[in-house]
Structure formats: structure tokens, C-alpha cells
Amino acid sequence: MKSLILAGSLLLASGAASVADGSFWVIGDRASGKCNIVTSNPVIIGDIWFGDGPYKSKADAKLARSTIRACPAINPDDEKHENENGTN
């Protein structure tokens, strides 16, 4: 019985770790004064003052970034640069 419970808990733990794959977060970067989109779960420390997510797609993260008051508006040049280089 104990081995069945252990196997079940290991299965759940591995499933939770794989949920974050392919996800996007919006982070507030105090050093640059911008909000960036990243593909790893952010650690809120130092220059990173908030993190929001995860989002299933980059488009969802961009939409969320546009609704966060702390994030400055993205100008067209920054958006073009972001699209050329992938995620920030």
C-alpha cells in the first residue's frame, strides 16, 4: 500500500513539473524599467519586483503585459525587436 501511495505522489510531482514547460511569465524589471516576457518561472528578488503567470502562449503573456498598470507601454520599435529575437 505504501509503495502505491509513493508511486502516486511521484507521478503527481513529475506532472506538476512538466506543466511549466512551454509557459510564459511577465516580469517587472526594476533595472531596465520595463516588463519582460520570460520562459522560466521568475524568482522575485533584487531587480525583479513582480512576476505574473504562467501563460500558455506568448500572445497571452503580451496581452497580460498590456493590462498590467506597472508595465510601461511598449513602443513599436521595442515590439519589433522583441519579435525578431524571441522572448526577452
N, C-alpha and C. Protein backbone atom coordinates (compact mmCIF):
# COMPACT_ATOMS: atom_id res chain seq x y z
N MET A 1 0.82 -1.20 0.00
CA MET A 1 0.00 0.00 0.00
C MET A 1 0.86 1.26 0.00
N LYS A 2 1.93 1.24 0.83
CA LYS A 2 2.82 2.40 0.89
C LYS A 2 3.50 2.64 -0.45
N SER A 3 3.87 1.57 -1.13
CA SER A 3 4.54 1.73 -2.42
C SER A 3 3.59 2.32 -3.46
N LEU A 4 2.31 1.99 -3.37
CA LEU A 4 1.32 2.56 -4.28
C LEU A 4 1.14 4.06 -4.02
N ILE A 5 1.10 4.45 -2.78
CA ILE A 5 0.99 5.87 -2.42
C ILE A 5 2.24 6.63 -2.87
N LEU A 6 3.41 6.04 -2.66
CA LEU A 6 4.66 6.67 -3.08
C LEU A 6 4.70 6.83 -4.60
N ALA A 7 4.29 5.81 -5.32
CA ALA A 7 4.28 5.88 -6.79
C ALA A 7 3.31 6.96 -7.27
N GLY A 8 2.17 7.06 -6.63
CA GLY A 8 1.19 8.08 -7.00
C GLY A 8 1.70 9.49 -6.74
N SER A 9 2.37 9.68 -5.61
CA SER A 9 2.90 11.01 -5.30
C SER A 9 4.03 11.39 -6.25
N LEU A 10 4.86 10.43 -6.65
CA LEU A 10 5.92 10.71 -7.61
C LEU A 10 5.34 11.06 -8.98
N LEU A 11 4.28 10.41 -9.36
CA LEU A 11 3.62 10.71 -10.62
C LEU A 11 3.04 12.12 -10.62
N LEU A 12 2.41 12.50 -9.53
CA LEU A 12 1.87 13.85 -9.42
C LEU A 12 2.97 14.91 -9.43
N ALA A 13 4.08 14.64 -8.75
CA ALA A 13 5.18 15.60 -8.70
C ALA A 13 5.80 15.79 -10.08
N SER A 14 5.96 14.72 -10.83
CA SER A 14 6.55 14.86 -12.17
C SER A 14 5.58 15.55 -13.12
N GLY A 15 4.30 15.35 -12.94
CA GLY A 15 3.30 16.03 -13.76
C GLY A 15 3.26 17.52 -13.50
N ALA A 16 3.42 17.92 -12.25
CA ALA A 16 3.42 19.34 -11.91
C ALA A 16 4.65 20.04 -12.48
N ALA A 17 5.78 19.36 -12.53
CA ALA A 17 6.99 19.95 -13.08
C ALA A 17 6.87 20.15 -14.58
N SER A 18 6.18 19.26 -15.26
CA SER A 18 6.06 19.38 -16.71
C SER A 18 5.02 20.41 -17.13
N VAL A 19 4.15 20.84 -16.23
CA VAL A 19 3.14 21.84 -16.54
C VAL A 19 3.80 23.17 -16.91
N ALA A 20 4.94 23.48 -16.30
CA ALA A 20 5.60 24.76 -16.54
C ALA A 20 6.30 24.81 -17.90
N ASP A 21 6.54 23.67 -18.54
CA ASP A 21 7.18 23.66 -19.84
C ASP A 21 6.33 24.36 -20.87
N GLY A 22 6.93 25.24 -21.65
CA GLY A 22 6.21 25.95 -22.70
C GLY A 22 5.35 27.07 -22.17
N SER A 23 5.61 27.52 -20.95
CA SER A 23 4.84 28.59 -20.35
C SER A 23 5.60 29.91 -20.40
N PHE A 24 4.87 31.00 -20.23
CA PHE A 24 5.46 32.33 -20.28
C PHE A 24 5.03 33.11 -19.05
N TRP A 25 5.92 33.96 -18.54
CA TRP A 25 5.64 34.84 -17.41
C TRP A 25 5.96 36.26 -17.80
N VAL A 26 5.24 37.22 -17.21
CA VAL A 26 5.54 38.63 -17.35
C VAL A 26 6.25 39.05 -16.07
N ILE A 27 7.43 39.65 -16.21
CA ILE A 27 8.17 40.10 -15.03
C ILE A 27 8.41 41.60 -15.11
N GLY A 28 8.44 42.23 -13.96
CA GLY A 28 8.80 43.64 -13.87
C GLY A 28 10.26 43.75 -13.52
N ASP A 29 11.05 44.37 -14.38
CA ASP A 29 12.48 44.52 -14.19
C ASP A 29 12.79 45.94 -13.75
N ARG A 30 13.14 46.11 -12.50
CA ARG A 30 13.41 47.43 -11.94
C ARG A 30 14.64 48.07 -12.59
N ALA A 31 15.63 47.28 -12.96
CA ALA A 31 16.87 47.82 -13.54
C ALA A 31 16.62 48.48 -14.89
N SER A 32 15.80 47.86 -15.73
CA SER A 32 15.54 48.43 -17.06
C SER A 32 14.28 49.29 -17.08
N GLY A 33 13.45 49.16 -16.06
CA GLY A 33 12.19 49.91 -16.03
C GLY A 33 11.16 49.38 -17.00
N LYS A 34 11.31 48.12 -17.41
CA LYS A 34 10.41 47.51 -18.38
C LYS A 34 9.80 46.24 -17.81
N CYS A 35 8.78 45.77 -18.51
CA CYS A 35 8.21 44.47 -18.20
C CYS A 35 8.61 43.54 -19.34
N ASN A 36 9.19 42.42 -19.00
CA ASN A 36 9.66 41.47 -20.00
C ASN A 36 8.86 40.19 -19.92
N ILE A 37 8.90 39.44 -21.00
CA ILE A 37 8.27 38.13 -21.06
C ILE A 37 9.39 37.10 -21.04
N VAL A 38 9.31 36.17 -20.09
CA VAL A 38 10.33 35.14 -19.94
C VAL A 38 9.69 33.76 -19.99
N THR A 39 10.52 32.75 -20.20
CA THR A 39 10.01 31.38 -20.33
C THR A 39 10.32 30.51 -19.12
N SER A 40 10.86 31.12 -18.06
CA SER A 40 11.10 30.34 -16.84
C SER A 40 10.43 31.05 -15.67
N ASN A 41 10.02 30.28 -14.70
CA ASN A 41 9.34 30.82 -13.54
C ASN A 41 10.28 31.78 -12.82
N PRO A 42 9.91 33.05 -12.71
CA PRO A 42 10.84 34.04 -12.14
C PRO A 42 10.96 33.93 -10.62
N VAL A 43 12.15 34.29 -10.14
CA VAL A 43 12.39 34.41 -8.70
C VAL A 43 12.29 35.89 -8.39
N ILE A 44 11.40 36.26 -7.49
CA ILE A 44 11.15 37.66 -7.16
C ILE A 44 12.18 38.09 -6.12
N ILE A 45 13.27 38.67 -6.61
CA ILE A 45 14.35 39.12 -5.74
C ILE A 45 15.18 40.16 -6.50
N GLY A 46 15.77 41.08 -5.80
CA GLY A 46 16.63 42.07 -6.43
C GLY A 46 15.87 42.99 -7.37
N ASP A 47 16.29 43.01 -8.63
CA ASP A 47 15.69 43.90 -9.62
C ASP A 47 14.34 43.43 -10.13
N ILE A 48 13.99 42.17 -9.93
CA ILE A 48 12.68 41.66 -10.36
C ILE A 48 11.69 41.93 -9.25
N TRP A 49 10.73 42.84 -9.50
CA TRP A 49 9.83 43.21 -8.41
C TRP A 49 8.48 42.52 -8.50
N PHE A 50 8.12 41.92 -9.63
CA PHE A 50 6.91 41.10 -9.67
C PHE A 50 7.01 40.12 -10.82
N GLY A 51 6.22 39.08 -10.74
CA GLY A 51 6.10 38.09 -11.79
C GLY A 51 4.64 37.69 -11.90
N ASP A 52 4.15 37.55 -13.12
CA ASP A 52 2.75 37.21 -13.33
C ASP A 52 2.68 36.09 -14.35
N GLY A 53 1.94 35.08 -14.06
CA GLY A 53 1.82 33.96 -14.98
C GLY A 53 1.63 32.68 -14.20
N PRO A 54 1.72 31.57 -14.85
CA PRO A 54 2.17 31.34 -16.22
C PRO A 54 1.04 31.52 -17.24
N TYR A 55 1.45 31.80 -18.46
CA TYR A 55 0.54 31.90 -19.60
C TYR A 55 0.91 30.82 -20.60
N LYS A 56 -0.08 30.31 -21.29
CA LYS A 56 0.13 29.20 -22.22
C LYS A 56 0.81 29.61 -23.51
N SER A 57 0.68 30.88 -23.90
CA SER A 57 1.30 31.33 -25.14
C SER A 57 1.92 32.70 -24.94
N LYS A 58 2.83 33.05 -25.84
CA LYS A 58 3.46 34.36 -25.77
C LYS A 58 2.43 35.45 -26.04
N ALA A 59 1.46 35.17 -26.91
CA ALA A 59 0.41 36.14 -27.20
C ALA A 59 -0.41 36.44 -25.94
N ASP A 60 -0.70 35.41 -25.15
CA ASP A 60 -1.42 35.61 -23.89
C ASP A 60 -0.60 36.46 -22.92
N ALA A 61 0.71 36.21 -22.87
CA ALA A 61 1.58 36.98 -21.99
C ALA A 61 1.66 38.44 -22.44
N LYS A 62 1.70 38.68 -23.75
CA LYS A 62 1.72 40.05 -24.27
C LYS A 62 0.43 40.78 -23.92
N LEU A 63 -0.69 40.09 -24.04
CA LEU A 63 -1.96 40.69 -23.69
C LEU A 63 -1.99 41.04 -22.20
N ALA A 64 -1.52 40.13 -21.37
CA ALA A 64 -1.49 40.38 -19.94
C ALA A 64 -0.57 41.56 -19.62
N ARG A 65 0.58 41.61 -20.28
CA ARG A 65 1.52 42.71 -20.04
C ARG A 65 0.87 44.06 -20.35
N SER A 66 0.04 44.09 -21.38
CA SER A 66 -0.60 45.36 -21.76
C SER A 66 -1.65 45.80 -20.74
N THR A 67 -2.11 44.89 -19.89
CA THR A 67 -3.13 45.24 -18.90
C THR A 67 -2.56 45.50 -17.51
N ILE A 68 -1.27 45.26 -17.31
CA ILE A 68 -0.64 45.46 -16.01
C ILE A 68 -0.24 46.93 -15.88
N ARG A 69 -0.77 47.61 -14.89
CA ARG A 69 -0.52 49.05 -14.72
C ARG A 69 0.95 49.39 -14.53
N ALA A 70 1.68 48.53 -13.86
CA ALA A 70 3.09 48.81 -13.57
C ALA A 70 3.97 48.73 -14.81
N CYS A 71 3.46 48.15 -15.88
CA CYS A 71 4.24 47.99 -17.10
C CYS A 71 4.07 49.21 -18.01
N PRO A 72 5.20 49.82 -18.42
CA PRO A 72 5.08 50.94 -19.37
C PRO A 72 4.61 50.43 -20.73
N ALA A 73 4.01 51.31 -21.49
CA ALA A 73 3.54 50.93 -22.83
C ALA A 73 4.74 50.55 -23.70
N ILE A 74 4.53 49.55 -24.55
CA ILE A 74 5.58 49.09 -25.46
C ILE A 74 5.50 49.92 -26.74
N ASN A 75 6.64 50.50 -27.12
CA ASN A 75 6.62 51.25 -28.38
C ASN A 75 6.87 50.28 -29.54
N PRO A 76 6.50 50.64 -30.76
CA PRO A 76 6.61 49.73 -31.91
C PRO A 76 8.02 49.22 -32.16
N ASP A 77 9.04 50.03 -31.90
CA ASP A 77 10.42 49.58 -32.12
C ASP A 77 10.80 48.45 -31.17
N ASP A 78 10.39 48.57 -29.89
CA ASP A 78 10.68 47.52 -28.92
C ASP A 78 9.95 46.23 -29.28
N GLU A 79 8.71 46.36 -29.75
CA GLU A 79 7.94 45.17 -30.12
C GLU A 79 8.56 44.47 -31.32
N LYS A 80 9.04 45.25 -32.28
CA LYS A 80 9.69 44.66 -33.46
C LYS A 80 10.95 43.93 -33.04
N HIS A 81 11.74 44.55 -32.16
CA HIS A 81 12.97 43.94 -31.66
C HIS A 81 12.64 42.65 -30.90
N GLU A 82 11.59 42.68 -30.10
CA GLU A 82 11.18 41.51 -29.33
C GLU A 82 10.76 40.37 -30.26
N ASN A 83 10.02 40.68 -31.32
CA ASN A 83 9.57 39.66 -32.26
C ASN A 83 10.74 39.05 -33.03
N GLU A 84 11.77 39.84 -33.31
CA GLU A 84 12.93 39.33 -34.05
C GLU A 84 13.79 38.41 -33.18
N ASN A 85 13.90 38.74 -31.89
CA ASN A 85 14.78 37.99 -31.00
C ASN A 85 14.06 36.95 -30.17
N GLY A 86 12.79 36.77 -30.34
CA GLY A 86 12.05 35.83 -29.50
C GLY A 86 11.69 36.48 -28.19
N THR A 87 11.69 35.72 -27.11
CA THR A 87 11.33 36.27 -25.82
C THR A 87 12.46 37.08 -25.25
N ASN A 88 12.11 38.00 -24.38
CA ASN A 88 13.13 38.86 -23.74
C ASN A 88 13.89 38.06 -22.74
